[in-house]
């Protein structure tokens, strides 16, 4: 198992016989600087693929639990609707989304944006709350 631990290292690039591991991100905080806090009981991992058409704007929403996204393709602009601050994410970027803050994503590129999204929730819970809905 020691070899697997080395392959998963988030700190240093590693090469072992035709395997190259390049760190993408190491962080203890979300995109807005909040500490990452995991659900305290019955953690469930949900993994989804998102495809967002060029020019598409996602509804304003927030997440009660941690959500991570890896941009596989395209360009995504995420705006914190409470502060007005925006960040641009491109292919190869990793996003640690804000928790409990209203935000909105938009594909500002000319090609579909594709994301791998990982949620960590309490078992049976959802991780997206739309503005105006409970």
N, C-alpha and C. Protein backbone atom coordinates (compact mmCIF):
# COMPACT_ATOMS: atom_id res chain seq x y z
N UNK A 1 0.82 -1.19 0.00
CA UNK A 1 0.00 0.00 0.00
C UNK A 1 0.86 1.26 0.00
N UNK A 2 2.12 1.16 0.40
CA UNK A 2 2.99 2.32 0.43
C UNK A 2 3.13 2.97 -0.92
N UNK A 3 3.22 2.18 -2.01
CA UNK A 3 3.33 2.73 -3.35
C UNK A 3 2.12 3.54 -3.75
N UNK A 4 0.92 3.09 -3.37
CA UNK A 4 -0.29 3.84 -3.70
C UNK A 4 -0.30 5.19 -3.01
N UNK A 5 0.18 5.24 -1.79
CA UNK A 5 0.24 6.51 -1.08
C UNK A 5 1.11 7.52 -1.83
N UNK A 6 2.20 7.05 -2.41
CA UNK A 6 3.08 7.93 -3.17
C UNK A 6 2.38 8.45 -4.42
N UNK A 7 1.60 7.59 -5.09
CA UNK A 7 0.90 8.02 -6.31
C UNK A 7 -0.15 9.09 -6.01
N UNK A 8 -0.68 9.09 -4.80
CA UNK A 8 -1.73 10.03 -4.45
C UNK A 8 -1.20 11.33 -3.86
N UNK A 9 0.09 11.49 -3.81
CA UNK A 9 0.69 12.66 -3.18
C UNK A 9 0.24 13.96 -3.83
N UNK A 10 -0.35 14.89 -3.07
CA UNK A 10 -0.80 16.16 -3.64
C UNK A 10 0.30 17.23 -3.67
N UNK A 11 1.47 16.89 -3.16
CA UNK A 11 2.50 17.91 -2.99
C UNK A 11 3.55 17.92 -4.09
N UNK A 12 4.05 16.77 -4.49
CA UNK A 12 5.16 16.71 -5.42
C UNK A 12 4.81 15.90 -6.65
N UNK A 13 5.33 16.33 -7.80
CA UNK A 13 5.20 15.53 -9.01
C UNK A 13 5.99 14.25 -8.81
N UNK A 14 5.52 13.17 -9.39
CA UNK A 14 6.13 11.88 -9.16
C UNK A 14 6.12 11.09 -10.45
N UNK A 15 7.21 10.37 -10.73
CA UNK A 15 7.25 9.52 -11.91
C UNK A 15 7.78 8.16 -11.51
N UNK A 16 6.99 7.12 -11.80
CA UNK A 16 7.38 5.75 -11.52
C UNK A 16 7.05 4.93 -12.76
N UNK A 17 8.06 4.41 -13.44
CA UNK A 17 7.88 3.52 -14.59
C UNK A 17 6.63 3.84 -15.41
N UNK A 18 6.69 4.82 -16.26
CA UNK A 18 5.61 5.18 -17.17
C UNK A 18 4.37 5.76 -16.51
N UNK A 19 4.46 6.13 -15.25
CA UNK A 19 3.34 6.77 -14.55
C UNK A 19 3.82 8.13 -14.06
N UNK A 20 3.15 9.17 -14.48
CA UNK A 20 3.50 10.51 -14.03
C UNK A 20 2.32 11.09 -13.27
N UNK A 21 2.55 11.53 -12.07
CA UNK A 21 1.53 12.17 -11.25
C UNK A 21 1.91 13.63 -11.09
N UNK A 22 1.04 14.52 -11.54
CA UNK A 22 1.29 15.96 -11.44
C UNK A 22 0.21 16.56 -10.54
N UNK A 23 0.60 17.18 -9.45
CA UNK A 23 -0.40 17.77 -8.56
C UNK A 23 -1.23 18.82 -9.27
N UNK A 24 -2.52 18.85 -8.97
CA UNK A 24 -3.43 19.83 -9.54
C UNK A 24 -3.72 20.91 -8.51
N UNK A 25 -3.96 20.52 -7.27
CA UNK A 25 -4.29 21.48 -6.22
C UNK A 25 -4.11 20.84 -4.86
N UNK A 26 -3.68 21.63 -3.90
CA UNK A 26 -3.65 21.23 -2.50
C UNK A 26 -4.19 22.43 -1.72
N UNK A 27 -5.29 22.24 -1.01
CA UNK A 27 -5.92 23.36 -0.32
C UNK A 27 -6.68 22.89 0.91
N UNK A 28 -6.80 23.76 1.88
CA UNK A 28 -7.61 23.49 3.06
C UNK A 28 -8.82 24.41 3.11
N UNK A 29 -8.99 25.23 2.04
CA UNK A 29 -10.09 26.19 2.01
C UNK A 29 -10.83 26.14 0.67
N UNK A 30 -12.06 26.68 0.66
CA UNK A 30 -12.86 26.77 -0.56
C UNK A 30 -12.38 27.94 -1.41
N UNK A 31 -13.04 28.13 -2.56
CA UNK A 31 -12.69 29.23 -3.47
C UNK A 31 -12.84 30.59 -2.80
N UNK A 32 -13.70 30.69 -1.78
CA UNK A 32 -13.89 31.98 -1.10
C UNK A 32 -13.10 32.08 0.20
N UNK A 33 -12.25 31.06 0.47
CA UNK A 33 -11.41 31.12 1.66
C UNK A 33 -12.00 30.46 2.89
N UNK A 34 -13.15 29.81 2.77
CA UNK A 34 -13.77 29.13 3.91
C UNK A 34 -13.02 27.83 4.20
N UNK A 35 -12.89 27.43 5.47
CA UNK A 35 -12.29 26.13 5.76
C UNK A 35 -13.19 25.02 5.21
N UNK A 36 -12.58 23.94 4.71
CA UNK A 36 -13.35 22.81 4.22
C UNK A 36 -13.76 21.96 5.42
N UNK A 37 -15.07 21.79 5.61
CA UNK A 37 -15.60 21.01 6.72
C UNK A 37 -16.46 19.89 6.13
N UNK A 38 -16.11 18.66 6.45
CA UNK A 38 -16.82 17.51 5.92
C UNK A 38 -18.06 17.19 6.75
N UNK A 39 -19.05 16.51 6.14
CA UNK A 39 -20.22 16.08 6.92
C UNK A 39 -19.76 15.24 8.11
N UNK A 40 -20.48 15.36 9.23
CA UNK A 40 -20.06 14.71 10.47
C UNK A 40 -20.55 13.28 10.62
N UNK A 41 -21.55 12.87 9.82
CA UNK A 41 -22.04 11.49 9.94
C UNK A 41 -22.50 10.97 8.60
N UNK A 42 -22.45 9.67 8.45
CA UNK A 42 -22.97 8.98 7.27
C UNK A 42 -22.61 9.67 5.96
N UNK A 43 -21.32 9.88 5.71
CA UNK A 43 -20.88 10.58 4.50
C UNK A 43 -21.18 9.73 3.27
N UNK A 44 -21.74 10.39 2.26
CA UNK A 44 -22.02 9.76 0.97
C UNK A 44 -21.30 10.58 -0.09
N UNK A 45 -20.59 9.91 -1.01
CA UNK A 45 -19.90 10.57 -2.10
C UNK A 45 -20.74 10.42 -3.36
N UNK A 46 -21.02 11.55 -4.01
CA UNK A 46 -21.79 11.57 -5.26
C UNK A 46 -20.89 12.13 -6.35
N UNK A 47 -20.80 11.45 -7.49
CA UNK A 47 -19.95 11.89 -8.58
C UNK A 47 -20.82 12.08 -9.82
N UNK A 48 -20.71 13.25 -10.46
CA UNK A 48 -21.53 13.58 -11.64
C UNK A 48 -20.66 14.19 -12.73
N UNK A 49 -21.11 14.06 -13.97
CA UNK A 49 -20.50 14.74 -15.10
C UNK A 49 -21.47 15.84 -15.54
N UNK A 50 -20.96 17.05 -15.70
CA UNK A 50 -21.76 18.17 -16.17
C UNK A 50 -21.29 18.57 -17.56
N UNK A 51 -22.23 18.88 -18.43
CA UNK A 51 -21.90 19.48 -19.72
C UNK A 51 -22.76 20.72 -19.85
N UNK A 52 -22.09 21.87 -19.98
CA UNK A 52 -22.77 23.16 -20.00
C UNK A 52 -22.54 23.79 -21.37
N UNK A 53 -23.62 24.06 -22.08
CA UNK A 53 -23.54 24.59 -23.44
C UNK A 53 -22.93 26.00 -23.45
N UNK A 54 -22.30 26.38 -24.57
CA UNK A 54 -21.75 27.74 -24.68
C UNK A 54 -22.86 28.78 -24.43
N UNK A 55 -22.56 29.75 -23.59
CA UNK A 55 -23.52 30.80 -23.28
C UNK A 55 -24.53 30.45 -22.20
N UNK A 56 -24.57 29.19 -21.77
CA UNK A 56 -25.53 28.77 -20.74
C UNK A 56 -25.16 29.36 -19.39
N UNK A 57 -26.18 29.76 -18.65
CA UNK A 57 -26.01 30.32 -17.31
C UNK A 57 -26.76 29.44 -16.33
N UNK A 58 -26.08 28.96 -15.33
CA UNK A 58 -26.72 28.12 -14.31
C UNK A 58 -27.53 29.00 -13.36
N UNK A 59 -28.58 28.45 -12.76
CA UNK A 59 -29.35 29.24 -11.79
C UNK A 59 -28.51 29.58 -10.55
N UNK A 60 -28.86 30.65 -9.87
CA UNK A 60 -28.19 31.01 -8.62
C UNK A 60 -28.48 29.90 -7.62
N UNK A 61 -27.43 29.42 -6.96
CA UNK A 61 -27.58 28.31 -6.04
C UNK A 61 -26.50 28.36 -4.96
N UNK A 62 -26.63 27.46 -3.98
CA UNK A 62 -25.60 27.29 -2.96
C UNK A 62 -25.52 25.82 -2.59
N UNK A 63 -24.44 25.47 -1.89
CA UNK A 63 -24.19 24.09 -1.49
C UNK A 63 -24.04 24.01 0.03
N UNK A 64 -24.83 23.16 0.69
CA UNK A 64 -24.68 23.00 2.14
C UNK A 64 -23.51 22.11 2.54
N UNK A 65 -22.97 21.35 1.57
CA UNK A 65 -21.87 20.43 1.84
C UNK A 65 -20.75 20.67 0.83
N UNK A 66 -19.56 20.11 1.07
CA UNK A 66 -18.45 20.30 0.14
C UNK A 66 -18.76 19.79 -1.26
N UNK A 67 -18.34 20.57 -2.25
CA UNK A 67 -18.44 20.20 -3.67
C UNK A 67 -17.13 20.56 -4.34
N UNK A 68 -16.62 19.61 -5.13
CA UNK A 68 -15.37 19.79 -5.84
C UNK A 68 -15.64 19.59 -7.33
N UNK A 69 -15.01 20.39 -8.15
CA UNK A 69 -15.19 20.25 -9.59
C UNK A 69 -13.86 20.30 -10.32
N UNK A 70 -13.72 19.44 -11.31
CA UNK A 70 -12.54 19.45 -12.16
C UNK A 70 -13.00 19.80 -13.57
N UNK A 71 -12.45 20.85 -14.13
CA UNK A 71 -12.84 21.31 -15.46
C UNK A 71 -12.10 20.46 -16.50
N UNK A 72 -12.86 19.64 -17.20
CA UNK A 72 -12.30 18.77 -18.22
C UNK A 72 -12.12 19.51 -19.55
N UNK A 73 -13.02 20.45 -19.82
CA UNK A 73 -12.98 21.21 -21.08
C UNK A 73 -13.76 22.50 -20.90
N UNK A 74 -13.41 23.51 -21.69
CA UNK A 74 -14.18 24.75 -21.71
C UNK A 74 -13.72 25.78 -20.70
N UNK A 75 -14.54 26.84 -20.60
CA UNK A 75 -14.24 27.97 -19.72
C UNK A 75 -15.49 28.31 -18.92
N UNK A 76 -15.35 28.33 -17.61
CA UNK A 76 -16.48 28.57 -16.71
C UNK A 76 -16.18 29.80 -15.85
N UNK A 77 -17.16 30.68 -15.76
CA UNK A 77 -17.05 31.85 -14.88
C UNK A 77 -18.01 31.61 -13.72
N UNK A 78 -17.49 31.67 -12.50
CA UNK A 78 -18.31 31.49 -11.30
C UNK A 78 -18.32 32.81 -10.54
N UNK A 79 -19.53 33.30 -10.27
CA UNK A 79 -19.70 34.58 -9.60
C UNK A 79 -20.39 34.39 -8.26
N UNK A 80 -19.78 34.92 -7.20
CA UNK A 80 -20.39 34.96 -5.87
C UNK A 80 -21.40 36.10 -5.92
N UNK A 81 -22.68 35.77 -5.89
CA UNK A 81 -23.71 36.81 -6.05
C UNK A 81 -23.84 37.69 -4.81
N UNK A 82 -23.24 37.29 -3.71
CA UNK A 82 -23.28 38.10 -2.50
C UNK A 82 -22.21 39.19 -2.53
N UNK A 83 -21.04 38.88 -3.12
CA UNK A 83 -19.94 39.85 -3.15
C UNK A 83 -19.71 40.43 -4.54
N UNK A 84 -20.22 39.75 -5.57
CA UNK A 84 -19.99 40.18 -6.95
C UNK A 84 -18.65 39.72 -7.50
N UNK A 85 -17.84 39.07 -6.68
CA UNK A 85 -16.52 38.59 -7.12
C UNK A 85 -16.69 37.40 -8.05
N UNK A 86 -15.94 37.40 -9.16
CA UNK A 86 -15.97 36.31 -10.13
C UNK A 86 -14.59 35.69 -10.29
N UNK A 87 -14.60 34.41 -10.62
CA UNK A 87 -13.36 33.69 -10.93
C UNK A 87 -13.59 32.92 -12.22
N UNK A 88 -12.54 32.84 -13.04
CA UNK A 88 -12.60 32.11 -14.30
C UNK A 88 -11.83 30.80 -14.13
N UNK A 89 -12.46 29.71 -14.56
CA UNK A 89 -11.84 28.39 -14.50
C UNK A 89 -11.78 27.82 -15.92
N UNK A 90 -10.65 27.22 -16.25
CA UNK A 90 -10.43 26.66 -17.58
C UNK A 90 -10.06 25.18 -17.46
N UNK A 91 -10.01 24.53 -18.60
CA UNK A 91 -9.64 23.12 -18.66
C UNK A 91 -8.39 22.86 -17.81
N UNK A 92 -8.48 21.87 -16.94
CA UNK A 92 -7.36 21.52 -16.06
C UNK A 92 -7.43 22.15 -14.69
N UNK A 93 -8.36 23.08 -14.47
CA UNK A 93 -8.51 23.73 -13.16
C UNK A 93 -9.39 22.88 -12.24
N UNK A 94 -9.10 22.94 -10.96
CA UNK A 94 -9.87 22.25 -9.93
C UNK A 94 -10.56 23.31 -9.08
N UNK A 95 -11.83 23.12 -8.81
CA UNK A 95 -12.63 24.09 -8.07
C UNK A 95 -13.08 23.47 -6.74
N UNK A 96 -12.84 24.17 -5.65
CA UNK A 96 -13.43 23.80 -4.37
C UNK A 96 -14.50 24.86 -4.11
N UNK A 97 -15.75 24.48 -4.37
CA UNK A 97 -16.83 25.47 -4.35
C UNK A 97 -17.09 25.99 -2.94
N UNK A 98 -17.67 27.19 -2.90
CA UNK A 98 -18.02 27.81 -1.62
C UNK A 98 -19.16 27.02 -0.98
N UNK A 99 -19.24 27.08 0.33
CA UNK A 99 -20.28 26.37 1.08
C UNK A 99 -21.21 27.41 1.69
N UNK A 100 -22.52 27.24 1.40
CA UNK A 100 -23.53 28.12 2.00
C UNK A 100 -23.55 29.53 1.44
N UNK A 101 -22.93 29.77 0.30
CA UNK A 101 -22.92 31.12 -0.31
C UNK A 101 -23.57 31.03 -1.69
N UNK A 102 -24.43 32.01 -1.99
CA UNK A 102 -25.11 32.04 -3.28
C UNK A 102 -24.10 32.37 -4.38
N UNK A 103 -24.12 31.58 -5.44
CA UNK A 103 -23.22 31.80 -6.57
C UNK A 103 -23.87 31.29 -7.84
N UNK A 104 -23.22 31.60 -8.96
CA UNK A 104 -23.77 31.25 -10.26
C UNK A 104 -22.64 30.96 -11.23
N UNK A 105 -22.80 29.92 -12.02
CA UNK A 105 -21.79 29.59 -13.02
C UNK A 105 -22.31 29.89 -14.42
N UNK A 106 -21.41 30.24 -15.33
CA UNK A 106 -21.78 30.50 -16.71
C UNK A 106 -20.65 30.03 -17.62
N UNK A 107 -21.02 29.41 -18.73
CA UNK A 107 -20.03 29.03 -19.72
C UNK A 107 -19.78 30.25 -20.59
N UNK A 108 -18.62 30.86 -20.45
CA UNK A 108 -18.30 32.07 -21.21
C UNK A 108 -17.46 31.76 -22.44
N UNK A 109 -17.27 30.48 -22.73
CA UNK A 109 -16.49 30.07 -23.89
C UNK A 109 -17.36 29.75 -25.10
N UNK A 110 -16.73 29.36 -26.18
CA UNK A 110 -17.44 29.05 -27.42
C UNK A 110 -17.65 27.55 -27.62
N UNK A 111 -17.18 26.74 -26.65
CA UNK A 111 -17.36 25.30 -26.71
C UNK A 111 -18.02 24.84 -25.41
N UNK A 112 -18.61 23.62 -25.41
CA UNK A 112 -19.22 23.13 -24.16
C UNK A 112 -18.20 23.06 -23.03
N UNK A 113 -18.62 23.42 -21.84
CA UNK A 113 -17.80 23.24 -20.65
C UNK A 113 -18.16 21.87 -20.07
N UNK A 114 -17.15 21.10 -19.75
CA UNK A 114 -17.38 19.77 -19.18
C UNK A 114 -16.68 19.69 -17.84
N UNK A 115 -17.42 19.24 -16.84
CA UNK A 115 -16.89 19.16 -15.48
C UNK A 115 -17.17 17.80 -14.86
N UNK A 116 -16.20 17.32 -14.09
CA UNK A 116 -16.39 16.18 -13.21
C UNK A 116 -16.65 16.79 -11.84
N UNK A 117 -17.81 16.49 -11.24
CA UNK A 117 -18.22 17.10 -9.97
C UNK A 117 -18.34 16.02 -8.90
N UNK A 118 -17.73 16.28 -7.74
CA UNK A 118 -17.76 15.35 -6.62
C UNK A 118 -18.37 16.06 -5.41
N UNK A 119 -19.44 15.48 -4.87
CA UNK A 119 -20.09 16.01 -3.68
C UNK A 119 -19.85 15.07 -2.51
N UNK A 120 -19.67 15.64 -1.31
CA UNK A 120 -19.62 14.86 -0.07
C UNK A 120 -20.75 15.37 0.80
N UNK A 121 -21.79 14.54 0.96
CA UNK A 121 -22.99 14.95 1.67
C UNK A 121 -23.29 13.96 2.79
N UNK A 122 -24.22 14.34 3.68
CA UNK A 122 -24.75 13.36 4.61
C UNK A 122 -25.67 12.46 3.79
N UNK A 123 -25.60 11.16 4.04
CA UNK A 123 -26.33 10.17 3.26
C UNK A 123 -27.79 10.60 3.04
N UNK A 124 -28.20 10.56 1.76
CA UNK A 124 -29.57 10.87 1.40
C UNK A 124 -29.86 12.35 1.20
N UNK A 125 -28.89 13.23 1.43
CA UNK A 125 -29.10 14.67 1.28
C UNK A 125 -28.71 15.13 -0.12
N UNK A 126 -29.23 16.27 -0.51
CA UNK A 126 -28.82 16.88 -1.78
C UNK A 126 -27.81 17.97 -1.50
N UNK A 127 -27.07 18.40 -2.53
CA UNK A 127 -26.04 19.39 -2.30
C UNK A 127 -26.22 20.64 -3.14
N UNK A 128 -27.38 20.83 -3.72
CA UNK A 128 -27.63 22.06 -4.46
C UNK A 128 -28.98 22.61 -4.04
N UNK A 129 -28.97 23.85 -3.54
CA UNK A 129 -30.19 24.55 -3.14
C UNK A 129 -30.32 25.75 -4.09
N UNK A 130 -31.44 25.81 -4.83
CA UNK A 130 -31.68 26.91 -5.75
C UNK A 130 -32.24 28.12 -5.00
N UNK A 131 -31.86 29.30 -5.43
CA UNK A 131 -32.37 30.53 -4.83
C UNK A 131 -33.89 30.54 -4.93
N UNK A 132 -34.55 30.80 -3.81
CA UNK A 132 -36.01 30.85 -3.79
C UNK A 132 -36.66 29.50 -3.54
N UNK A 133 -35.86 28.43 -3.43
CA UNK A 133 -36.41 27.09 -3.16
C UNK A 133 -35.71 26.50 -1.94
N UNK A 134 -36.40 25.64 -1.23
CA UNK A 134 -35.79 25.01 -0.05
C UNK A 134 -35.54 23.56 -0.28
